[in-house]
Amino acid sequence: MYYVYVLQSQKDKSLYIGSTSNLKKRFKEHNLGKSRYTNQHRPYKIICYIALPLRSDAERFETYLKSGYGRRVLKNMLNDYFERDTQLGD
């Protein structure tokens, strides 16, 4: 299985979208600062992920979510989460 995941920085609320075949390991790497793109925004929490059987499908879905339209769809899908997060100042 391959996973497309969305992380949210607990430091500044920024989002990071990625894909991997080992979600637990990759999440740990992000929070240990082993990714140059996420190092300055740690710690992170996983706010959603999807499992797909083929790497090519996961990479295509990751690219889609990183597009402007994909980000809008993601934010619409997680609308209640983002509203709660804003209200709690979490």
N, C-alpha and C. Protein backbone atom coordinates (compact mmCIF):
# COMPACT_ATOMS: atom_id res chain seq x y z
N MET A 1 0.83 -1.19 0.00
CA MET A 1 0.00 0.00 0.00
C MET A 1 0.87 1.25 0.00
N TYR A 2 0.32 2.29 -0.60
CA TYR A 2 0.97 3.61 -0.62
C TYR A 2 0.00 4.60 -0.01
N TYR A 3 0.53 5.54 0.71
CA TYR A 3 -0.29 6.49 1.44
C TYR A 3 -0.03 7.92 0.97
N VAL A 4 -1.11 8.65 0.78
CA VAL A 4 -1.03 10.08 0.57
C VAL A 4 -1.53 10.69 1.87
N TYR A 5 -0.75 11.61 2.42
CA TYR A 5 -1.07 12.12 3.75
C TYR A 5 -1.00 13.64 3.79
N VAL A 6 -1.72 14.20 4.75
CA VAL A 6 -1.71 15.64 4.97
C VAL A 6 -1.31 15.86 6.42
N LEU A 7 -0.24 16.63 6.59
CA LEU A 7 0.22 17.00 7.92
C LEU A 7 -0.12 18.46 8.17
N GLN A 8 -0.36 18.79 9.43
CA GLN A 8 -0.53 20.18 9.81
C GLN A 8 0.49 20.52 10.88
N SER A 9 1.18 21.62 10.65
CA SER A 9 2.17 22.09 11.62
C SER A 9 1.45 22.58 12.86
N GLN A 10 1.89 22.13 14.02
CA GLN A 10 1.33 22.63 15.27
C GLN A 10 1.96 23.96 15.63
N LYS A 11 3.01 24.32 14.93
CA LYS A 11 3.71 25.59 15.17
C LYS A 11 3.01 26.75 14.47
N ASP A 12 2.70 26.58 13.16
CA ASP A 12 2.14 27.69 12.40
C ASP A 12 0.91 27.33 11.56
N LYS A 13 0.36 26.13 11.74
CA LYS A 13 -0.84 25.65 11.06
C LYS A 13 -0.68 25.41 9.57
N SER A 14 0.55 25.49 9.04
CA SER A 14 0.75 25.22 7.62
C SER A 14 0.50 23.74 7.33
N LEU A 15 0.18 23.46 6.07
CA LEU A 15 -0.10 22.09 5.65
C LEU A 15 1.05 21.56 4.81
N TYR A 16 1.28 20.25 4.92
CA TYR A 16 2.25 19.57 4.08
C TYR A 16 1.57 18.33 3.53
N ILE A 17 1.69 18.11 2.23
CA ILE A 17 1.10 16.96 1.56
C ILE A 17 2.24 16.10 1.02
N GLY A 18 2.18 14.79 1.29
CA GLY A 18 3.22 13.89 0.82
C GLY A 18 2.68 12.50 0.55
N SER A 19 3.56 11.62 0.09
CA SER A 19 3.16 10.23 -0.14
C SER A 19 4.32 9.33 0.27
N THR A 20 3.99 8.11 0.67
CA THR A 20 4.98 7.16 1.16
C THR A 20 4.40 5.75 1.18
N SER A 21 5.28 4.78 1.30
CA SER A 21 4.82 3.40 1.47
C SER A 21 4.84 3.00 2.95
N ASN A 22 5.42 3.85 3.80
CA ASN A 22 5.50 3.55 5.24
C ASN A 22 5.12 4.82 6.01
N LEU A 23 3.85 4.97 6.29
CA LEU A 23 3.34 6.20 6.89
C LEU A 23 3.91 6.46 8.28
N LYS A 24 3.98 5.44 9.12
CA LYS A 24 4.50 5.64 10.48
C LYS A 24 5.95 6.12 10.45
N LYS A 25 6.77 5.49 9.63
CA LYS A 25 8.18 5.87 9.53
C LYS A 25 8.33 7.29 8.99
N ARG A 26 7.57 7.61 7.94
CA ARG A 26 7.70 8.93 7.32
C ARG A 26 7.23 10.04 8.26
N PHE A 27 6.15 9.78 8.99
CA PHE A 27 5.66 10.76 9.96
C PHE A 27 6.71 11.04 11.03
N LYS A 28 7.33 9.98 11.51
CA LYS A 28 8.39 10.12 12.51
C LYS A 28 9.55 10.94 11.95
N GLU A 29 9.93 10.68 10.70
CA GLU A 29 11.02 11.43 10.07
C GLU A 29 10.69 12.92 9.99
N HIS A 30 9.45 13.25 9.65
CA HIS A 30 9.04 14.66 9.59
C HIS A 30 9.22 15.32 10.96
N ASN A 31 8.78 14.65 12.00
CA ASN A 31 8.85 15.25 13.33
C ASN A 31 10.25 15.24 13.93
N LEU A 32 11.14 14.43 13.38
CA LEU A 32 12.54 14.44 13.83
C LEU A 32 13.39 15.43 13.04
N GLY A 33 12.78 16.10 12.08
CA GLY A 33 13.49 17.11 11.30
C GLY A 33 14.32 16.55 10.16
N LYS A 34 14.01 15.34 9.70
CA LYS A 34 14.80 14.71 8.64
C LYS A 34 14.35 15.11 7.23
N SER A 35 13.36 15.96 7.12
CA SER A 35 12.91 16.47 5.83
C SER A 35 13.20 17.96 5.78
N ARG A 36 13.95 18.39 4.78
CA ARG A 36 14.32 19.80 4.73
C ARG A 36 13.11 20.70 4.48
N TYR A 37 12.05 20.17 3.89
CA TYR A 37 10.87 20.98 3.60
C TYR A 37 9.99 21.18 4.83
N THR A 38 10.06 20.28 5.78
CA THR A 38 9.19 20.39 6.95
C THR A 38 9.94 20.68 8.24
N ASN A 39 11.24 20.69 8.19
CA ASN A 39 12.06 20.83 9.39
C ASN A 39 11.70 22.05 10.23
N GLN A 40 11.50 23.20 9.62
CA GLN A 40 11.29 24.43 10.36
C GLN A 40 9.87 24.60 10.89
N HIS A 41 8.96 23.71 10.50
CA HIS A 41 7.56 23.86 10.90
C HIS A 41 7.10 22.81 11.91
N ARG A 42 8.00 21.98 12.42
CA ARG A 42 7.62 20.93 13.34
C ARG A 42 7.23 21.50 14.69
N PRO A 43 6.48 20.75 15.45
CA PRO A 43 5.98 19.38 15.25
C PRO A 43 4.72 19.37 14.37
N TYR A 44 4.45 18.20 13.85
CA TYR A 44 3.30 17.98 12.97
C TYR A 44 2.32 17.00 13.58
N LYS A 45 1.09 17.08 13.07
CA LYS A 45 0.10 16.04 13.35
C LYS A 45 -0.50 15.64 12.02
N ILE A 46 -0.89 14.37 11.92
CA ILE A 46 -1.54 13.88 10.71
C ILE A 46 -3.00 14.27 10.80
N ILE A 47 -3.50 14.96 9.77
CA ILE A 47 -4.92 15.31 9.80
C ILE A 47 -5.75 14.44 8.85
N CYS A 48 -5.11 13.82 7.85
CA CYS A 48 -5.82 12.82 7.05
C CYS A 48 -4.82 12.05 6.19
N TYR A 49 -5.25 10.87 5.76
CA TYR A 49 -4.46 10.07 4.83
C TYR A 49 -5.38 9.13 4.08
N ILE A 50 -4.91 8.69 2.94
CA ILE A 50 -5.66 7.72 2.13
C ILE A 50 -4.67 6.66 1.67
N ALA A 51 -5.11 5.41 1.69
CA ALA A 51 -4.28 4.29 1.24
C ALA A 51 -4.69 3.91 -0.18
N LEU A 52 -3.70 3.75 -1.03
CA LEU A 52 -3.92 3.37 -2.43
C LEU A 52 -3.01 2.19 -2.77
N PRO A 53 -3.46 1.28 -3.62
CA PRO A 53 -2.68 0.07 -3.89
C PRO A 53 -1.45 0.28 -4.77
N LEU A 54 -1.45 1.30 -5.62
CA LEU A 54 -0.34 1.50 -6.55
C LEU A 54 0.39 2.81 -6.28
N ARG A 55 1.70 2.76 -6.38
CA ARG A 55 2.51 3.96 -6.16
C ARG A 55 2.14 5.06 -7.16
N SER A 56 1.93 4.68 -8.41
CA SER A 56 1.60 5.67 -9.44
C SER A 56 0.31 6.41 -9.11
N ASP A 57 -0.68 5.71 -8.57
CA ASP A 57 -1.93 6.37 -8.18
C ASP A 57 -1.70 7.31 -7.00
N ALA A 58 -0.88 6.89 -6.05
CA ALA A 58 -0.58 7.73 -4.88
C ALA A 58 0.14 9.00 -5.33
N GLU A 59 1.11 8.86 -6.21
CA GLU A 59 1.85 10.03 -6.68
C GLU A 59 0.95 10.99 -7.46
N ARG A 60 0.05 10.44 -8.26
CA ARG A 60 -0.89 11.27 -9.01
C ARG A 60 -1.84 12.01 -8.08
N PHE A 61 -2.33 11.32 -7.06
CA PHE A 61 -3.25 11.95 -6.10
C PHE A 61 -2.51 13.01 -5.28
N GLU A 62 -1.27 12.75 -4.90
CA GLU A 62 -0.47 13.74 -4.18
C GLU A 62 -0.31 15.00 -5.03
N THR A 63 0.02 14.84 -6.31
CA THR A 63 0.17 15.98 -7.21
C THR A 63 -1.15 16.75 -7.31
N TYR A 64 -2.25 16.03 -7.40
CA TYR A 64 -3.56 16.68 -7.46
C TYR A 64 -3.83 17.51 -6.21
N LEU A 65 -3.58 16.94 -5.02
CA LEU A 65 -3.84 17.66 -3.78
C LEU A 65 -2.95 18.89 -3.64
N LYS A 66 -1.78 18.87 -4.25
CA LYS A 66 -0.87 20.01 -4.18
C LYS A 66 -1.25 21.12 -5.16
N SER A 67 -2.16 20.81 -6.08
CA SER A 67 -2.61 21.84 -7.03
C SER A 67 -3.58 22.78 -6.33
N GLY A 68 -3.81 23.92 -6.93
CA GLY A 68 -4.74 24.89 -6.35
C GLY A 68 -6.13 24.31 -6.15
N TYR A 69 -6.64 23.61 -7.19
CA TYR A 69 -7.96 23.03 -7.08
C TYR A 69 -7.97 21.91 -6.03
N GLY A 70 -6.94 21.09 -6.00
CA GLY A 70 -6.86 20.00 -5.04
C GLY A 70 -6.85 20.51 -3.61
N ARG A 71 -6.12 21.60 -3.36
CA ARG A 71 -6.10 22.20 -2.01
C ARG A 71 -7.48 22.72 -1.62
N ARG A 72 -8.18 23.32 -2.58
CA ARG A 72 -9.54 23.81 -2.28
C ARG A 72 -10.46 22.64 -1.93
N VAL A 73 -10.37 21.56 -2.70
CA VAL A 73 -11.20 20.38 -2.42
C VAL A 73 -10.85 19.83 -1.04
N LEU A 74 -9.57 19.73 -0.73
CA LEU A 74 -9.12 19.23 0.58
C LEU A 74 -9.68 20.11 1.70
N LYS A 75 -9.58 21.41 1.56
CA LYS A 75 -10.08 22.32 2.59
C LYS A 75 -11.60 22.23 2.73
N ASN A 76 -12.30 22.02 1.61
CA ASN A 76 -13.76 21.82 1.68
C ASN A 76 -14.10 20.51 2.38
N MET A 77 -13.35 19.46 2.10
CA MET A 77 -13.60 18.16 2.72
C MET A 77 -13.36 18.22 4.23
N LEU A 78 -12.38 19.00 4.64
CA LEU A 78 -12.01 19.10 6.06
C LEU A 78 -12.50 20.41 6.69
N ASN A 79 -13.54 20.97 6.12
CA ASN A 79 -14.06 22.26 6.57
C ASN A 79 -14.36 22.28 8.07
N ASP A 80 -15.04 21.28 8.57
CA ASP A 80 -15.38 21.26 9.99
C ASP A 80 -14.13 21.19 10.86
N TYR A 81 -13.13 20.43 10.42
CA TYR A 81 -11.87 20.35 11.17
C TYR A 81 -11.21 21.72 11.25
N PHE A 82 -11.11 22.40 10.11
CA PHE A 82 -10.44 23.69 10.09
C PHE A 82 -11.21 24.73 10.89
N GLU A 83 -12.53 24.68 10.86
CA GLU A 83 -13.33 25.62 11.66
C GLU A 83 -13.14 25.34 13.15
N ARG A 84 -13.15 24.09 13.56
CA ARG A 84 -12.93 23.74 14.96
C ARG A 84 -11.54 24.15 15.40
N ASP A 85 -10.57 23.89 14.55
CA ASP A 85 -9.19 24.22 14.86
C ASP A 85 -9.02 25.73 15.08
N THR A 86 -9.69 26.53 14.27
CA THR A 86 -9.63 27.99 14.40
C THR A 86 -10.31 28.45 15.69
N GLN A 87 -11.46 27.86 16.00
CA GLN A 87 -12.21 28.25 17.19
C GLN A 87 -11.44 27.93 18.47
N LEU A 88 -10.77 26.79 18.49
CA LEU A 88 -10.04 26.37 19.68
C LEU A 88 -8.66 27.02 19.78
N GLY A 89 -8.21 27.60 18.68
CA GLY A 89 -6.86 28.14 18.67
C GLY A 89 -5.82 27.06 18.83
N ASP A 90 -6.17 25.85 18.40
CA ASP A 90 -5.35 24.65 18.56
C ASP A 90 -4.18 24.65 17.65
